[in-house]
Amino acid sequence: MVISDDKPSTCYIRLRKQSKVPPGQPVRLGDVAEVIVDSSWEAKLKQLVLLNPKPKDGNILLVDMMAIVRAIKAVAPALGIECFGQPHTLVEIVKQAKRPNPFFIAIVWLLLFFGSGLAIMNFHADVSMLQVHHRIIELLTGRKEASSFWFQACYSIGIGLGMVIFFNHIFRKKFNEEPTPLEVEMYLYQENLNQYIVTEEYQRLREADEKRE
């Protein structure tokens, strides 16, 4: 049963952390936030235009909650507004993704493969790993001139298996739902990048307000 009264409606808004829109498309409230409001207002508010990005604005824009409140009050002055979560969101202007070039993928793969291989070999040379292996074989077998080939082969396989287990990833398959170390680092990098962009955008908005004054 729906209970009606004479009180003004309330709009509940929770901004998304980051959103994406294609070039040439205006940024609407429904693109950047979850909106709960009476059905009579829902469609209109979700289509409410907040920004019309221009090429000079760059590919990442900041949408502040105060700007959203002003835009809503312009079309619905009596509508109450309740905000949840963070007071801003970032909008990325993204072009249609292109298919990756197999040639560049192969080049990057080769650089990473040989680069990581050289890094491991240089590390082993620095710590005299070959001499360590020979010493371990001597302690195990009692023979100073015993071959360490099988020991080194097993050690090399163990390095590969250890890397696979550590990164929790082989090709596109993950062993469990835990994030890999690389995913965690990428997440932290993205968080720091977003915080920097937010700070710079607020500074730019303050400078623009000072110029208008």
C-alpha atoms as a PDB file:
ATOM      1  CA  MET A   1       0.000   0.000   0.000  1.00  0.00           C
ATOM      2  CA  VAL A   2       1.336   3.423  -0.984  1.00  0.00           C
ATOM      3  CA  ILE A   3       0.874   6.155   1.596  1.00  0.00           C
ATOM      4  CA  SER A   4       0.712   9.637   0.145  1.00  0.00           C
ATOM      5  CA  ASP A   5       1.125  12.897   2.031  1.00  0.00           C
ATOM      6  CA  ASP A   6       1.645  16.560   1.263  1.00  0.00           C
ATOM      7  CA  LYS A   7       5.357  16.575   2.066  1.00  0.00           C
ATOM      8  CA  PRO A   8       7.777  17.309  -0.797  1.00  0.00           C
ATOM      9  CA  SER A   9       9.485  14.327  -2.393  1.00  0.00           C
ATOM     10  CA  THR A  10      13.074  13.464  -1.548  1.00  0.00           C
ATOM     11  CA  CYS A  11      15.753  12.432  -4.022  1.00  0.00           C
ATOM     12  CA  TYR A  12      18.443  10.049  -2.740  1.00  0.00           C
ATOM     13  CA  ILE A  13      21.748  10.155  -4.613  1.00  0.00           C
ATOM     14  CA  ARG A  14      24.872   8.039  -4.384  1.00  0.00           C
ATOM     15  CA  LEU A  15      27.689   8.949  -6.742  1.00  0.00           C
ATOM     16  CA  ARG A  16      29.720   6.264  -8.456  1.00  0.00           C
ATOM     17  CA  LYS A  17      33.464   6.408  -7.946  1.00  0.00           C
ATOM     18  CA  GLN A  18      34.177   6.630 -11.673  1.00  0.00           C
ATOM     19  CA  SER A  19      32.082   6.637 -14.846  1.00  0.00           C
ATOM     20  CA  LYS A  20      32.699   6.519 -18.575  1.00  0.00           C
ATOM     21  CA  VAL A  21      30.900   8.238 -21.436  1.00  0.00           C
ATOM     22  CA  PRO A  22      31.678   8.261 -25.176  1.00  0.00           C
ATOM     23  CA  PRO A  23      32.953  11.459 -26.866  1.00  0.00           C
ATOM     24  CA  GLY A  24      30.325  13.992 -27.906  1.00  0.00           C
ATOM     25  CA  GLN A  25      27.760  12.746 -25.398  1.00  0.00           C
ATOM     26  CA  PRO A  26      26.616  14.955 -22.500  1.00  0.00           C
ATOM     27  CA  VAL A  27      27.152  13.750 -18.958  1.00  0.00           C
ATOM     28  CA  ARG A  28      23.781  13.006 -17.366  1.00  0.00           C
ATOM     29  CA  LEU A  29      22.919  12.358 -13.744  1.00  0.00           C
ATOM     30  CA  GLY A  30      22.063   8.739 -14.520  1.00  0.00           C
ATOM     31  CA  ASP A  31      25.576   8.237 -15.908  1.00  0.00           C
ATOM     32  CA  VAL A  32      27.348   9.175 -12.685  1.00  0.00           C
ATOM     33  CA  ALA A  33      24.970   8.298  -9.859  1.00  0.00           C
ATOM     34  CA  GLU A  34      22.364   5.941  -8.522  1.00  0.00           C
ATOM     35  CA  VAL A  35      19.121   7.865  -8.025  1.00  0.00           C
ATOM     36  CA  ILE A  36      16.106   6.914  -5.925  1.00  0.00           C
ATOM     37  CA  VAL A  37      13.144   9.251  -6.227  1.00  0.00           C
ATOM     38  CA  ASP A  38       9.417   9.172  -6.929  1.00  0.00           C
ATOM     39  CA  SER A  39       8.572   7.614 -10.279  1.00  0.00           C
ATOM     40  CA  SER A  40       7.219  10.940 -11.504  1.00  0.00           C
ATOM     41  CA  TRP A  41      10.718  12.429 -11.262  1.00  0.00           C
ATOM     42  CA  GLU A  42      12.960   9.437 -11.873  1.00  0.00           C
ATOM     43  CA  ALA A  43      13.210   9.479 -15.672  1.00  0.00           C
ATOM     44  CA  LYS A  44      13.581  13.265 -15.840  1.00  0.00           C
ATOM     45  CA  LEU A  45      16.340  13.416 -13.213  1.00  0.00           C
ATOM     46  CA  LYS A  46      18.313  10.529 -14.694  1.00  0.00           C
ATOM     47  CA  GLN A  47      18.336  12.385 -18.027  1.00  0.00           C
ATOM     48  CA  LEU A  48      19.321  15.683 -16.376  1.00  0.00           C
ATOM     49  CA  VAL A  49      22.392  17.053 -18.190  1.00  0.00           C
ATOM     50  CA  LEU A  50      25.233  18.000 -15.835  1.00  0.00           C
ATOM     51  CA  LEU A  51      28.054  18.701 -18.293  1.00  0.00           C
ATOM     52  CA  ASN A  52      28.616  19.085 -22.013  1.00  0.00           C
ATOM     53  CA  PRO A  53      32.261  18.053 -22.409  1.00  0.00           C
ATOM     54  CA  LYS A  54      34.377  19.871 -24.978  1.00  0.00           C
ATOM     55  CA  PRO A  55      37.697  18.671 -26.433  1.00  0.00           C
ATOM     56  CA  LYS A  56      39.571  21.387 -24.519  1.00  0.00           C
ATOM     57  CA  ASP A  57      38.255  19.974 -21.205  1.00  0.00           C
ATOM     58  CA  GLY A  58      40.424  16.869 -21.549  1.00  0.00           C
ATOM     59  CA  ASN A  59      39.409  13.254 -21.184  1.00  0.00           C
ATOM     60  CA  ILE A  60      38.788  13.220 -17.400  1.00  0.00           C
ATOM     61  CA  LEU A  61      36.235  15.519 -15.766  1.00  0.00           C
ATOM     62  CA  LEU A  62      35.253  16.097 -12.164  1.00  0.00           C
ATOM     63  CA  VAL A  63      31.558  16.231 -11.228  1.00  0.00           C
ATOM     64  CA  ASP A  64      31.009  17.721  -7.788  1.00  0.00           C
ATOM     65  CA  MET A  65      27.942  17.054  -5.648  1.00  0.00           C
ATOM     66  CA  MET A  66      27.298  20.780  -5.266  1.00  0.00           C
ATOM     67  CA  ALA A  67      27.038  21.112  -9.046  1.00  0.00           C
ATOM     68  CA  ILE A  68      24.544  18.230  -9.069  1.00  0.00           C
ATOM     69  CA  VAL A  69      22.469  19.875  -6.331  1.00  0.00           C
ATOM     70  CA  ARG A  70      22.397  23.155  -8.268  1.00  0.00           C
ATOM     71  CA  ALA A  71      21.303  21.358 -11.431  1.00  0.00           C
ATOM     72  CA  ILE A  72      18.493  19.515  -9.627  1.00  0.00           C
ATOM     73  CA  LYS A  73      17.292  22.627  -7.814  1.00  0.00           C
ATOM     74  CA  ALA A  74      17.126  24.440 -11.145  1.00  0.00           C
ATOM     75  CA  VAL A  75      14.455  22.013 -12.399  1.00  0.00           C
ATOM     76  CA  ALA A  76      12.859  20.992  -9.077  1.00  0.00           C
ATOM     77  CA  PRO A  77      13.295  23.666  -6.377  1.00  0.00           C
ATOM     78  CA  ALA A  78      10.990  21.927  -3.873  1.00  0.00           C
ATOM     79  CA  LEU A  79      12.672  18.528  -4.193  1.00  0.00           C
ATOM     80  CA  GLY A  80      14.634  17.448  -1.132  1.00  0.00           C
ATOM     81  CA  ILE A  81      18.085  15.983  -1.763  1.00  0.00           C
ATOM     82  CA  GLU A  82      19.907  13.403   0.357  1.00  0.00           C
ATOM     83  CA  CYS A  83      23.470  12.516  -0.633  1.00  0.00           C
ATOM     84  CA  PHE A  84      25.378   9.371   0.323  1.00  0.00           C
ATOM     85  CA  GLY A  85      28.996   8.388  -0.170  1.00  0.00           C
ATOM     86  CA  GLN A  86      31.743  10.513  -1.654  1.00  0.00           C
ATOM     87  CA  PRO A  87      31.061  14.147  -2.681  1.00  0.00           C
ATOM     88  CA  HIS A  88      32.494  13.860  -6.192  1.00  0.00           C
ATOM     89  CA  THR A  89      32.954  11.513  -9.099  1.00  0.00           C
ATOM     90  CA  LEU A  90      35.307  11.307 -12.065  1.00  0.00           C
ATOM     91  CA  VAL A  91      33.984  10.993 -15.605  1.00  0.00           C
ATOM     92  CA  GLU A  92      36.290   9.586 -18.261  1.00  0.00           C
ATOM     93  CA  ILE A  93      35.673  10.362 -21.922  1.00  0.00           C
ATOM     94  CA  VAL A  94      36.538   7.109 -23.670  1.00  0.00           C
ATOM     95  CA  LYS A  95      36.734   6.348 -27.351  1.00  0.00           C
ATOM     96  CA  GLN A  96      35.707   3.043 -28.833  1.00  0.00           C
ATOM     97  CA  ALA A  97      38.287   0.419 -27.943  1.00  0.00           C
ATOM     98  CA  LYS A  98      40.457  -0.753 -30.802  1.00  0.00           C
ATOM     99  CA  ARG A  99      41.475  -4.326 -31.344  1.00  0.00           C
ATOM    100  CA  PRO A 100      44.992  -4.920 -29.991  1.00  0.00           C
ATOM    101  CA  ASN A 101      47.709  -5.180 -32.598  1.00  0.00           C
ATOM    102  CA  PRO A 102      49.255  -8.700 -32.500  1.00  0.00           C
ATOM    103  CA  PHE A 103      52.616  -7.279 -33.603  1.00  0.00           C
ATOM    104  CA  PHE A 104      52.863  -4.906 -30.645  1.00  0.00           C
ATOM    105  CA  ILE A 105      51.625  -7.630 -28.295  1.00  0.00           C
ATOM    106  CA  ALA A 106      54.428  -9.895 -29.507  1.00  0.00           C
ATOM    107  CA  ILE A 107      57.027  -7.126 -29.107  1.00  0.00           C
ATOM    108  CA  VAL A 108      55.894  -6.349 -25.544  1.00  0.00           C
ATOM    109  CA  TRP A 109      55.806 -10.064 -24.679  1.00  0.00           C
ATOM    110  CA  LEU A 110      59.352 -10.579 -25.942  1.00  0.00           C
ATOM    111  CA  LEU A 111      60.642  -7.509 -24.079  1.00  0.00           C
ATOM    112  CA  LEU A 112      59.051  -8.675 -20.826  1.00  0.00           C
ATOM    113  CA  PHE A 113      60.228 -12.261 -21.296  1.00  0.00           C
ATOM    114  CA  PHE A 114      63.855 -11.478 -22.026  1.00  0.00           C
ATOM    115  CA  GLY A 115      63.940  -8.528 -19.630  1.00  0.00           C
ATOM    116  CA  SER A 116      62.683 -10.599 -16.700  1.00  0.00           C
ATOM    117  CA  GLY A 117      65.033 -13.443 -17.678  1.00  0.00           C
ATOM    118  CA  LEU A 118      68.028 -11.120 -17.686  1.00  0.00           C
ATOM    119  CA  ALA A 119      66.973  -9.647 -14.345  1.00  0.00           C
ATOM    120  CA  ILE A 120      66.814 -13.116 -12.754  1.00  0.00           C
ATOM    121  CA  MET A 121      70.167 -14.145 -14.257  1.00  0.00           C
ATOM    122  CA  ASN A 122      71.849 -10.925 -13.104  1.00  0.00           C
ATOM    123  CA  PHE A 123      70.478 -11.435  -9.598  1.00  0.00           C
ATOM    124  CA  HIS A 124      71.812 -15.006  -9.530  1.00  0.00           C
ATOM    125  CA  ALA A 125      75.193 -13.781 -10.745  1.00  0.00           C
ATOM    126  CA  ASP A 126      75.296 -11.120  -8.024  1.00  0.00           C
ATOM    127  CA  VAL A 127      74.622 -13.633  -5.240  1.00  0.00           C
ATOM    128  CA  SER A 128      76.878 -16.358  -6.781  1.00  0.00           C
ATOM    129  CA  MET A 129      73.961 -18.774  -7.100  1.00  0.00           C
ATOM    130  CA  LEU A 130      75.954 -21.269  -9.194  1.00  0.00           C
ATOM    131  CA  GLN A 131      78.555 -21.675  -6.468  1.00  0.00           C
ATOM    132  CA  VAL A 132      75.757 -22.053  -3.911  1.00  0.00           C
ATOM    133  CA  HIS A 133      74.204 -24.855  -5.958  1.00  0.00           C
ATOM    134  CA  HIS A 134      77.529 -26.638  -6.269  1.00  0.00           C
ATOM    135  CA  ARG A 135      78.055 -26.355  -2.524  1.00  0.00           C
ATOM    136  CA  ILE A 136      74.577 -27.742  -1.782  1.00  0.00           C
ATOM    137  CA  ILE A 137      75.163 -30.697  -4.132  1.00  0.00           C
ATOM    138  CA  GLU A 138      78.513 -31.340  -2.452  1.00  0.00           C
ATOM    139  CA  LEU A 139      76.849 -31.385   0.961  1.00  0.00           C
ATOM    140  CA  LEU A 140      74.112 -33.745  -0.261  1.00  0.00           C
ATOM    141  CA  THR A 141      76.249 -36.166  -2.232  1.00  0.00           C
ATOM    142  CA  GLY A 142      79.631 -35.857  -0.567  1.00  0.00           C
ATOM    143  CA  ARG A 143      81.262 -35.433  -3.984  1.00  0.00           C
ATOM    144  CA  LYS A 144      82.831 -32.101  -4.885  1.00  0.00           C
ATOM    145  CA  GLU A 145      82.688 -32.617  -8.663  1.00  0.00           C
ATOM    146  CA  ALA A 146      79.084 -33.931  -8.770  1.00  0.00           C
ATOM    147  CA  SER A 147      76.886 -32.403 -11.500  1.00  0.00           C
ATOM    148  CA  SER A 148      74.261 -29.928 -10.358  1.00  0.00           C
ATOM    149  CA  PHE A 149      72.212 -30.105 -13.578  1.00  0.00           C
ATOM    150  CA  TRP A 150      69.145 -31.795 -12.084  1.00  0.00           C
ATOM    151  CA  PHE A 151      69.257 -29.580  -9.031  1.00  0.00           C
ATOM    152  CA  GLN A 152      69.358 -26.461 -11.224  1.00  0.00           C
ATOM    153  CA  ALA A 153      66.562 -27.807 -13.453  1.00  0.00           C
ATOM    154  CA  CYS A 154      64.288 -28.400 -10.470  1.00  0.00           C
ATOM    155  CA  TYR A 155      65.225 -24.990  -9.075  1.00  0.00           C
ATOM    156  CA  SER A 156      64.289 -23.306 -12.381  1.00  0.00           C
ATOM    157  CA  ILE A 157      60.937 -25.120 -12.513  1.00  0.00           C
ATOM    158  CA  GLY A 158      60.328 -24.115  -8.906  1.00  0.00           C
ATOM    159  CA  ILE A 159      60.919 -20.451  -9.749  1.00  0.00           C
ATOM    160  CA  GLY A 160      58.305 -20.646 -12.502  1.00  0.00           C
ATOM    161  CA  LEU A 161      55.755 -22.437 -10.312  1.00  0.00           C
ATOM    162  CA  GLY A 162      56.433 -20.021  -7.470  1.00  0.00           C
ATOM    163  CA  MET A 163      55.759 -17.031  -9.713  1.00  0.00           C
ATOM    164  CA  VAL A 164      52.509 -18.586 -10.952  1.00  0.00           C
ATOM    165  CA  ILE A 165      51.334 -19.273  -7.388  1.00  0.00           C
ATOM    166  CA  PHE A 166      52.439 -15.851  -6.142  1.00  0.00           C
ATOM    167  CA  PHE A 167      50.636 -13.951  -8.894  1.00  0.00           C
ATOM    168  CA  ASN A 168      47.621 -16.291  -8.647  1.00  0.00           C
ATOM    169  CA  HIS A 169      47.185 -16.166 -12.388  1.00  0.00           C
ATOM    170  CA  ILE A 170      47.979 -18.243 -15.441  1.00  0.00           C
ATOM    171  CA  PHE A 171      46.841 -16.774 -18.741  1.00  0.00           C
ATOM    172  CA  ARG A 172      43.207 -15.738 -18.039  1.00  0.00           C
ATOM    173  CA  LYS A 173      42.592 -18.254 -15.260  1.00  0.00           C
ATOM    174  CA  LYS A 174      42.839 -17.453 -11.552  1.00  0.00           C
ATOM    175  CA  PHE A 175      43.163 -20.106  -8.874  1.00  0.00           C
ATOM    176  CA  ASN A 176      40.889 -18.289  -6.416  1.00  0.00           C
ATOM    177  CA  GLU A 177      39.007 -15.020  -6.004  1.00  0.00           C
ATOM    178  CA  GLU A 178      41.804 -13.211  -4.188  1.00  0.00           C
ATOM    179  CA  PRO A 179      43.291 -10.284  -6.120  1.00  0.00           C
ATOM    180  CA  THR A 180      46.748 -10.817  -7.506  1.00  0.00           C
ATOM    181  CA  PRO A 181      49.645  -8.629  -6.290  1.00  0.00           C
ATOM    182  CA  LEU A 182      49.670  -6.931  -9.679  1.00  0.00           C
ATOM    183  CA  GLU A 183      45.949  -6.154  -9.426  1.00  0.00           C
ATOM    184  CA  VAL A 184      46.460  -4.696  -5.945  1.00  0.00           C
ATOM    185  CA  GLU A 185      49.304  -2.504  -7.165  1.00  0.00           C
ATOM    186  CA  MET A 186      47.257  -1.352 -10.154  1.00  0.00           C
ATOM    187  CA  TYR A 187      44.349  -0.552  -7.818  1.00  0.00           C
ATOM    188  CA  LEU A 188      46.578   1.503  -5.516  1.00  0.00           C
ATOM    189  CA  TYR A 189      48.072   3.286  -8.509  1.00  0.00           C
ATOM    190  CA  GLN A 190      44.597   4.108  -9.843  1.00  0.00           C
ATOM    191  CA  GLU A 191      43.474   5.351  -6.412  1.00  0.00           C
ATOM    192  CA  ASN A 192      46.486   7.667  -6.134  1.00  0.00           C
ATOM    193  CA  LEU A 193      45.979   8.863  -9.696  1.00  0.00           C
ATOM    194  CA  ASN A 194      42.300   9.596  -9.048  1.00  0.00           C
ATOM    195  CA  GLN A 195      43.128  11.501  -5.865  1.00  0.00           C
ATOM    196  CA  TYR A 196      45.663  13.594  -7.747  1.00  0.00           C
ATOM    197  CA  ILE A 197      43.165  14.347 -10.527  1.00  0.00           C
ATOM    198  CA  VAL A 198      40.486  15.327  -7.985  1.00  0.00           C
ATOM    199  CA  THR A 199      42.902  17.714  -6.248  1.00  0.00           C
ATOM    200  CA  GLU A 200      43.956  19.283  -9.558  1.00  0.00           C
ATOM    201  CA  GLU A 201      40.367  19.626 -10.764  1.00  0.00           C
ATOM    202  CA  TYR A 202      39.249  21.321  -7.530  1.00  0.00           C
ATOM    203  CA  GLN A 203      42.179  23.722  -7.860  1.00  0.00           C
ATOM    204  CA  ARG A 204      41.193  24.476 -11.440  1.00  0.00           C
ATOM    205  CA  LEU A 205      37.570  25.091 -10.404  1.00  0.00           C
ATOM    206  CA  ARG A 206      38.674  27.466  -7.629  1.00  0.00           C
ATOM    207  CA  GLU A 207      40.843  29.412 -10.061  1.00  0.00           C
ATOM    208  CA  ALA A 208      37.939  29.647 -12.535  1.00  0.00           C
ATOM    209  CA  ASP A 209      35.613  30.940  -9.752  1.00  0.00           C
ATOM    210  CA  GLU A 210      38.192  33.547  -8.717  1.00  0.00           C
ATOM    211  CA  LYS A 211      38.480  34.781 -12.289  1.00  0.00           C
ATOM    212  CA  ARG A 212      34.709  35.137 -12.584  1.00  0.00           C
ATOM    213  CA  GLU A 213      34.619  37.160  -9.387  1.00  0.00           C
END
